Amino acid sequence: MELSLYEIYKELKFKRIILCYSGPIAQASIEGVGSTLRRNLEIEEAGNTTKLSVFSMFIEQVQNVLNYSAEKLSKTEEDGNELRIGVSVIGYEENGDYFIYCGNRVYNYDIPRISESIEQVRNLSKDELKLLYKERRRMEPQPGSKGAGLGIIEMARKSVIPLEYSLVKIDEEFSFFSIKVVVGRH
């Protein structure tokens, strides 16, 4: 298979993508990509509130990859050098709003928990999301979770449309999970 980087480049431009990262994610790579994202947003002349929202949604999503991706690279789980695999894409819609997509492999047995947590917040009003956020901050994390579901709530709070997500079955063990947040230009 021949890979044409020029074709990929043209497709990214056509889809209005300003940043695309695919591969192993570690805390250091988040910092490096985050720095690049900040510069891109400055070039795009995004307002400060928009820049902060896009950046925080990027961080939230890649943290989810670090915490939950079923695809990982590591010598041992105890070595502290475990890398999780995922993809993050940031660009802008035709109307100028920014989108932040992130995706990674998940175990099929996690699908009900993932779907339930997103569906619970997808169509809540901003006031309902604010109340739920405050309530969850006081709760203990759910089994199998590394938080109280605050990240999903925060994504829903920042998004100008209901969260969009998909789960595509890969095989009997894994599916590919992706989530989209749309941040309005301020």
C-alpha atoms as a PDB file:
ATOM      1  CA  MET A   1       0.000   0.000   0.000  1.00  0.00           C
ATOM      2  CA  GLU A   2       1.360   3.358  -0.992  1.00  0.00           C
ATOM      3  CA  LEU A   3       0.663   6.238   1.367  1.00  0.00           C
ATOM      4  CA  SER A   4       0.251   9.625  -0.235  1.00  0.00           C
ATOM      5  CA  LEU A   5       0.926  12.290   2.354  1.00  0.00           C
ATOM      6  CA  TYR A   6      -0.162  14.921  -0.120  1.00  0.00           C
ATOM      7  CA  GLU A   7      -3.604  13.269  -0.375  1.00  0.00           C
ATOM      8  CA  ILE A   8      -3.846  13.166   3.424  1.00  0.00           C
ATOM      9  CA  TYR A   9      -2.759  16.812   3.589  1.00  0.00           C
ATOM     10  CA  LYS A  10      -5.436  17.839   1.046  1.00  0.00           C
ATOM     11  CA  GLU A  11      -8.116  15.869   2.920  1.00  0.00           C
ATOM     12  CA  LEU A  12      -7.179  17.501   6.241  1.00  0.00           C
ATOM     13  CA  LYS A  13      -7.355  20.950   4.648  1.00  0.00           C
ATOM     14  CA  PHE A  14     -10.691  20.117   2.993  1.00  0.00           C
ATOM     15  CA  LYS A  15     -12.144  18.939   6.347  1.00  0.00           C
ATOM     16  CA  ARG A  16     -10.824  22.126   8.074  1.00  0.00           C
ATOM     17  CA  ILE A  17      -8.620  20.184  10.497  1.00  0.00           C
ATOM     18  CA  ILE A  18      -6.003  22.243  12.309  1.00  0.00           C
ATOM     19  CA  LEU A  19      -4.504  19.452  14.411  1.00  0.00           C
ATOM     20  CA  CYS A  20      -4.482  15.665  14.115  1.00  0.00           C
ATOM     21  CA  TYR A  21      -2.607  13.274  16.382  1.00  0.00           C
ATOM     22  CA  SER A  22      -2.722   9.489  16.239  1.00  0.00           C
ATOM     23  CA  GLY A  23      -0.646   7.066  18.236  1.00  0.00           C
ATOM     24  CA  PRO A  24       0.722   6.527  21.722  1.00  0.00           C
ATOM     25  CA  ILE A  25      -0.282   9.164  24.234  1.00  0.00           C
ATOM     26  CA  ALA A  26       1.698  10.014  27.357  1.00  0.00           C
ATOM     27  CA  GLN A  27       1.619  13.020  29.641  1.00  0.00           C
ATOM     28  CA  ALA A  28       4.632  14.501  27.829  1.00  0.00           C
ATOM     29  CA  SER A  29       2.962  14.143  24.417  1.00  0.00           C
ATOM     30  CA  ILE A  30      -0.160  15.874  25.768  1.00  0.00           C
ATOM     31  CA  GLU A  31       1.968  18.831  26.833  1.00  0.00           C
ATOM     32  CA  GLY A  32       3.739  19.038  23.466  1.00  0.00           C
ATOM     33  CA  VAL A  33       0.598  18.703  21.378  1.00  0.00           C
ATOM     34  CA  GLY A  34      -1.199  21.097  23.739  1.00  0.00           C
ATOM     35  CA  SER A  35       1.481  23.717  23.142  1.00  0.00           C
ATOM     36  CA  THR A  36       1.098  23.292  19.380  1.00  0.00           C
ATOM     37  CA  LEU A  37      -2.689  23.548  19.724  1.00  0.00           C
ATOM     38  CA  ARG A  38      -2.391  26.841  21.610  1.00  0.00           C
ATOM     39  CA  ARG A  39      -0.234  28.292  18.834  1.00  0.00           C
ATOM     40  CA  ASN A  40      -2.663  27.060  16.161  1.00  0.00           C
ATOM     41  CA  LEU A  41      -5.564  28.718  17.971  1.00  0.00           C
ATOM     42  CA  GLU A  42      -3.646  31.983  18.163  1.00  0.00           C
ATOM     43  CA  ILE A  43      -3.028  31.822  14.410  1.00  0.00           C
ATOM     44  CA  GLU A  44      -6.735  31.064  13.888  1.00  0.00           C
ATOM     45  CA  GLU A  45      -7.428  34.219  15.958  1.00  0.00           C
ATOM     46  CA  ALA A  46      -9.739  32.439  18.366  1.00  0.00           C
ATOM     47  CA  GLY A  47     -10.896  34.505  21.328  1.00  0.00           C
ATOM     48  CA  ASN A  48      -9.484  33.761  24.778  1.00  0.00           C
ATOM     49  CA  THR A  49     -12.658  32.020  25.995  1.00  0.00           C
ATOM     50  CA  THR A  50     -12.757  29.892  22.855  1.00  0.00           C
ATOM     51  CA  LYS A  51      -9.057  29.009  23.128  1.00  0.00           C
ATOM     52  CA  LEU A  52      -9.500  27.973  26.752  1.00  0.00           C
ATOM     53  CA  SER A  53     -12.583  25.874  25.964  1.00  0.00           C
ATOM     54  CA  VAL A  54     -10.993  24.104  22.982  1.00  0.00           C
ATOM     55  CA  PHE A  55      -7.795  23.466  24.925  1.00  0.00           C
ATOM     56  CA  SER A  56      -9.626  22.158  28.005  1.00  0.00           C
ATOM     57  CA  MET A  57     -11.773  19.833  25.865  1.00  0.00           C
ATOM     58  CA  PHE A  58      -8.655  18.503  24.141  1.00  0.00           C
ATOM     59  CA  ILE A  59      -7.023  17.843  27.527  1.00  0.00           C
ATOM     60  CA  GLU A  60     -10.194  16.204  28.877  1.00  0.00           C
ATOM     61  CA  GLN A  61     -10.466  13.904  25.889  1.00  0.00           C
ATOM     62  CA  VAL A  62      -6.833  12.803  25.810  1.00  0.00           C
ATOM     63  CA  GLN A  63      -6.963  12.221  29.563  1.00  0.00           C
ATOM     64  CA  ASN A  64      -9.814   9.814  28.828  1.00  0.00           C
ATOM     65  CA  VAL A  65      -7.547   8.023  26.340  1.00  0.00           C
ATOM     66  CA  LEU A  66      -4.828   7.808  29.011  1.00  0.00           C
ATOM     67  CA  ASN A  67      -7.310   6.445  31.543  1.00  0.00           C
ATOM     68  CA  TYR A  68      -9.506   4.159  29.461  1.00  0.00           C
ATOM     69  CA  SER A  69      -7.945   3.131  26.140  1.00  0.00           C
ATOM     70  CA  ALA A  70      -7.832  -0.653  25.881  1.00  0.00           C
ATOM     71  CA  GLU A  71      -4.907  -0.414  23.455  1.00  0.00           C
ATOM     72  CA  LYS A  72      -1.617   0.140  25.206  1.00  0.00           C
ATOM     73  CA  LEU A  73       2.123  -0.202  24.870  1.00  0.00           C
ATOM     74  CA  SER A  74       4.039  -1.222  27.963  1.00  0.00           C
ATOM     75  CA  LYS A  75       6.712  -3.614  29.151  1.00  0.00           C
ATOM     76  CA  THR A  76       4.719  -4.187  32.324  1.00  0.00           C
ATOM     77  CA  GLU A  77       1.742  -2.406  33.819  1.00  0.00           C
ATOM     78  CA  GLU A  78       3.762  -1.646  36.949  1.00  0.00           C
ATOM     79  CA  ASP A  79       6.624   0.125  35.169  1.00  0.00           C
ATOM     80  CA  GLY A  80       4.785   3.451  35.075  1.00  0.00           C
ATOM     81  CA  ASN A  81       5.692   3.923  31.409  1.00  0.00           C
ATOM     82  CA  GLU A  82       2.464   2.623  29.965  1.00  0.00           C
ATOM     83  CA  LEU A  83       1.371   4.403  26.809  1.00  0.00           C
ATOM     84  CA  ARG A  84      -2.238   4.331  25.673  1.00  0.00           C
ATOM     85  CA  ILE A  85      -3.162   4.541  21.998  1.00  0.00           C
ATOM     86  CA  GLY A  86      -5.721   6.971  20.619  1.00  0.00           C
ATOM     87  CA  VAL A  87      -6.475   9.627  18.069  1.00  0.00           C
ATOM     88  CA  SER A  88      -7.430  13.286  18.475  1.00  0.00           C
ATOM     89  CA  VAL A  89      -8.624  15.616  15.726  1.00  0.00           C
ATOM     90  CA  ILE A  90      -9.376  19.314  16.098  1.00  0.00           C
ATOM     91  CA  GLY A  91     -10.793  21.561  13.435  1.00  0.00           C
ATOM     92  CA  TYR A  92     -13.629  23.887  12.721  1.00  0.00           C
ATOM     93  CA  GLU A  93     -17.122  23.555  11.345  1.00  0.00           C
ATOM     94  CA  GLU A  94     -18.373  25.572   8.381  1.00  0.00           C
ATOM     95  CA  ASN A  95     -19.981  28.058  10.789  1.00  0.00           C
ATOM     96  CA  GLY A  96     -16.630  28.672  12.532  1.00  0.00           C
ATOM     97  CA  ASP A  97     -17.311  26.619  15.687  1.00  0.00           C
ATOM     98  CA  TYR A  98     -14.495  24.280  16.694  1.00  0.00           C
ATOM     99  CA  PHE A  99     -14.846  20.508  16.941  1.00  0.00           C
ATOM    100  CA  ILE A 100     -12.727  18.258  19.094  1.00  0.00           C
ATOM    101  CA  TYR A 101     -12.894  14.544  18.262  1.00  0.00           C
ATOM    102  CA  CYS A 102     -11.116  11.875  20.205  1.00  0.00           C
ATOM    103  CA  GLY A 103     -11.190   8.115  19.880  1.00  0.00           C
ATOM    104  CA  ASN A 104      -9.666   4.910  21.133  1.00  0.00           C
ATOM    105  CA  ARG A 105     -10.280   1.209  21.524  1.00  0.00           C
ATOM    106  CA  VAL A 106     -12.449   0.113  24.439  1.00  0.00           C
ATOM    107  CA  TYR A 107     -13.421  -3.279  25.769  1.00  0.00           C
ATOM    108  CA  ASN A 108     -16.883  -4.382  24.671  1.00  0.00           C
ATOM    109  CA  TYR A 109     -17.893  -5.038  28.282  1.00  0.00           C
ATOM    110  CA  ASP A 110     -17.390  -1.288  28.972  1.00  0.00           C
ATOM    111  CA  ILE A 111     -19.855  -0.195  26.268  1.00  0.00           C
ATOM    112  CA  PRO A 112     -22.974  -0.112  28.497  1.00  0.00           C
ATOM    113  CA  ARG A 113     -21.198   2.059  31.092  1.00  0.00           C
ATOM    114  CA  ILE A 114     -19.819   4.419  28.423  1.00  0.00           C
ATOM    115  CA  SER A 115     -23.156   4.766  26.613  1.00  0.00           C
ATOM    116  CA  GLU A 116     -25.088   5.277  29.840  1.00  0.00           C
ATOM    117  CA  SER A 117     -22.760   8.012  31.096  1.00  0.00           C
ATOM    118  CA  ILE A 118     -23.006   9.947  27.816  1.00  0.00           C
ATOM    119  CA  GLU A 119     -26.733   9.432  27.275  1.00  0.00           C
ATOM    120  CA  GLN A 120     -27.388  10.645  30.829  1.00  0.00           C
ATOM    121  CA  VAL A 121     -25.970  14.086  29.984  1.00  0.00           C
ATOM    122  CA  ARG A 122     -26.520  14.490  26.223  1.00  0.00           C
ATOM    123  CA  ASN A 123     -29.789  16.388  26.364  1.00  0.00           C
ATOM    124  CA  LEU A 124     -29.614  18.113  29.740  1.00  0.00           C
ATOM    125  CA  SER A 125     -29.826  21.889  29.877  1.00  0.00           C
ATOM    126  CA  LYS A 126     -26.803  23.919  30.952  1.00  0.00           C
ATOM    127  CA  ASP A 127     -28.445  24.481  34.360  1.00  0.00           C
ATOM    128  CA  GLU A 128     -29.146  20.759  34.785  1.00  0.00           C
ATOM    129  CA  LEU A 129     -25.539  19.969  33.833  1.00  0.00           C
ATOM    130  CA  LYS A 130     -24.263  22.495  36.381  1.00  0.00           C
ATOM    131  CA  LEU A 131     -26.330  20.882  39.144  1.00  0.00           C
ATOM    132  CA  LEU A 132     -25.247  17.378  38.123  1.00  0.00           C
ATOM    133  CA  TYR A 133     -21.607  18.483  38.108  1.00  0.00           C
ATOM    134  CA  LYS A 134     -21.883  19.833  41.660  1.00  0.00           C
ATOM    135  CA  GLU A 135     -23.640  16.662  42.798  1.00  0.00           C
ATOM    136  CA  ARG A 136     -21.037  14.354  41.232  1.00  0.00           C
ATOM    137  CA  ARG A 137     -18.135  16.277  42.753  1.00  0.00           C
ATOM    138  CA  ARG A 138     -19.366  15.076  46.142  1.00  0.00           C
ATOM    139  CA  MET A 139     -19.710  11.428  45.050  1.00  0.00           C
ATOM    140  CA  GLU A 140     -17.258   8.545  45.099  1.00  0.00           C
ATOM    141  CA  PRO A 141     -16.109   7.238  41.689  1.00  0.00           C
ATOM    142  CA  GLN A 142     -18.163   4.414  40.182  1.00  0.00           C
ATOM    143  CA  PRO A 143     -16.598   0.931  39.934  1.00  0.00           C
ATOM    144  CA  GLY A 144     -14.287   0.718  36.911  1.00  0.00           C
ATOM    145  CA  SER A 145     -14.138   4.506  36.662  1.00  0.00           C
ATOM    146  CA  LYS A 146     -11.167   6.707  37.435  1.00  0.00           C
ATOM    147  CA  GLY A 147     -13.401   9.654  38.326  1.00  0.00           C
ATOM    148  CA  ALA A 148     -16.954  10.613  39.125  1.00  0.00           C
ATOM    149  CA  GLY A 149     -17.920  11.126  35.482  1.00  0.00           C
ATOM    150  CA  LEU A 150     -17.027  14.798  35.693  1.00  0.00           C
ATOM    151  CA  GLY A 151     -15.205  14.793  32.357  1.00  0.00           C
ATOM    152  CA  ILE A 152     -18.273  13.791  30.360  1.00  0.00           C
ATOM    153  CA  ILE A 153     -20.368  16.362  32.204  1.00  0.00           C
ATOM    154  CA  GLU A 154     -17.785  19.064  31.540  1.00  0.00           C
ATOM    155  CA  MET A 155     -17.698  18.140  27.832  1.00  0.00           C
ATOM    156  CA  ALA A 156     -21.492  18.419  27.689  1.00  0.00           C
ATOM    157  CA  ARG A 157     -21.340  21.788  29.482  1.00  0.00           C
ATOM    158  CA  LYS A 158     -18.828  23.223  26.986  1.00  0.00           C
ATOM    159  CA  SER A 159     -20.424  21.785  23.849  1.00  0.00           C
ATOM    160  CA  VAL A 160     -22.850  23.993  21.912  1.00  0.00           C
ATOM    161  CA  ILE A 161     -24.630  20.875  20.593  1.00  0.00           C
ATOM    162  CA  PRO A 162     -25.398  17.561  22.329  1.00  0.00           C
ATOM    163  CA  LEU A 163     -22.341  15.322  22.550  1.00  0.00           C
ATOM    164  CA  GLU A 164     -21.955  13.038  19.561  1.00  0.00           C
ATOM    165  CA  TYR A 165     -20.360   9.643  19.973  1.00  0.00           C
ATOM    166  CA  SER A 166     -20.036   6.314  18.255  1.00  0.00           C
ATOM    167  CA  LEU A 167     -19.019   2.783  19.147  1.00  0.00           C
ATOM    168  CA  VAL A 168     -17.868   0.643  16.226  1.00  0.00           C
ATOM    169  CA  LYS A 169     -17.387  -3.043  16.935  1.00  0.00           C
ATOM    170  CA  ILE A 170     -13.913  -4.254  15.940  1.00  0.00           C
ATOM    171  CA  ASP A 171     -14.181  -7.868  17.136  1.00  0.00           C
ATOM    172  CA  GLU A 172     -15.544  -9.902  20.052  1.00  0.00           C
ATOM    173  CA  GLU A 173     -13.288  -8.142  22.559  1.00  0.00           C
ATOM    174  CA  PHE A 174     -12.934  -4.554  21.331  1.00  0.00           C
ATOM    175  CA  SER A 175     -14.864  -1.637  19.873  1.00  0.00           C
ATOM    176  CA  PHE A 176     -13.668   1.779  18.754  1.00  0.00           C
ATOM    177  CA  PHE A 177     -15.156   4.624  20.787  1.00  0.00           C
ATOM    178  CA  SER A 178     -15.179   8.206  19.515  1.00  0.00           C
ATOM    179  CA  ILE A 179     -16.685  11.354  20.961  1.00  0.00           C
ATOM    180  CA  LYS A 180     -17.173  14.825  19.488  1.00  0.00           C
ATOM    181  CA  VAL A 181     -17.481  18.125  21.328  1.00  0.00           C
ATOM    182  CA  VAL A 182     -18.323  21.352  19.475  1.00  0.00           C
ATOM    183  CA  VAL A 183     -17.137  24.605  21.057  1.00  0.00           C
ATOM    184  CA  GLY A 184     -18.618  27.872  19.819  1.00  0.00           C
ATOM    185  CA  ARG A 185     -16.496  30.848  18.845  1.00  0.00           C
ATOM    186  CA  HIS A 186     -16.778  33.598  21.444  1.00  0.00           C
END
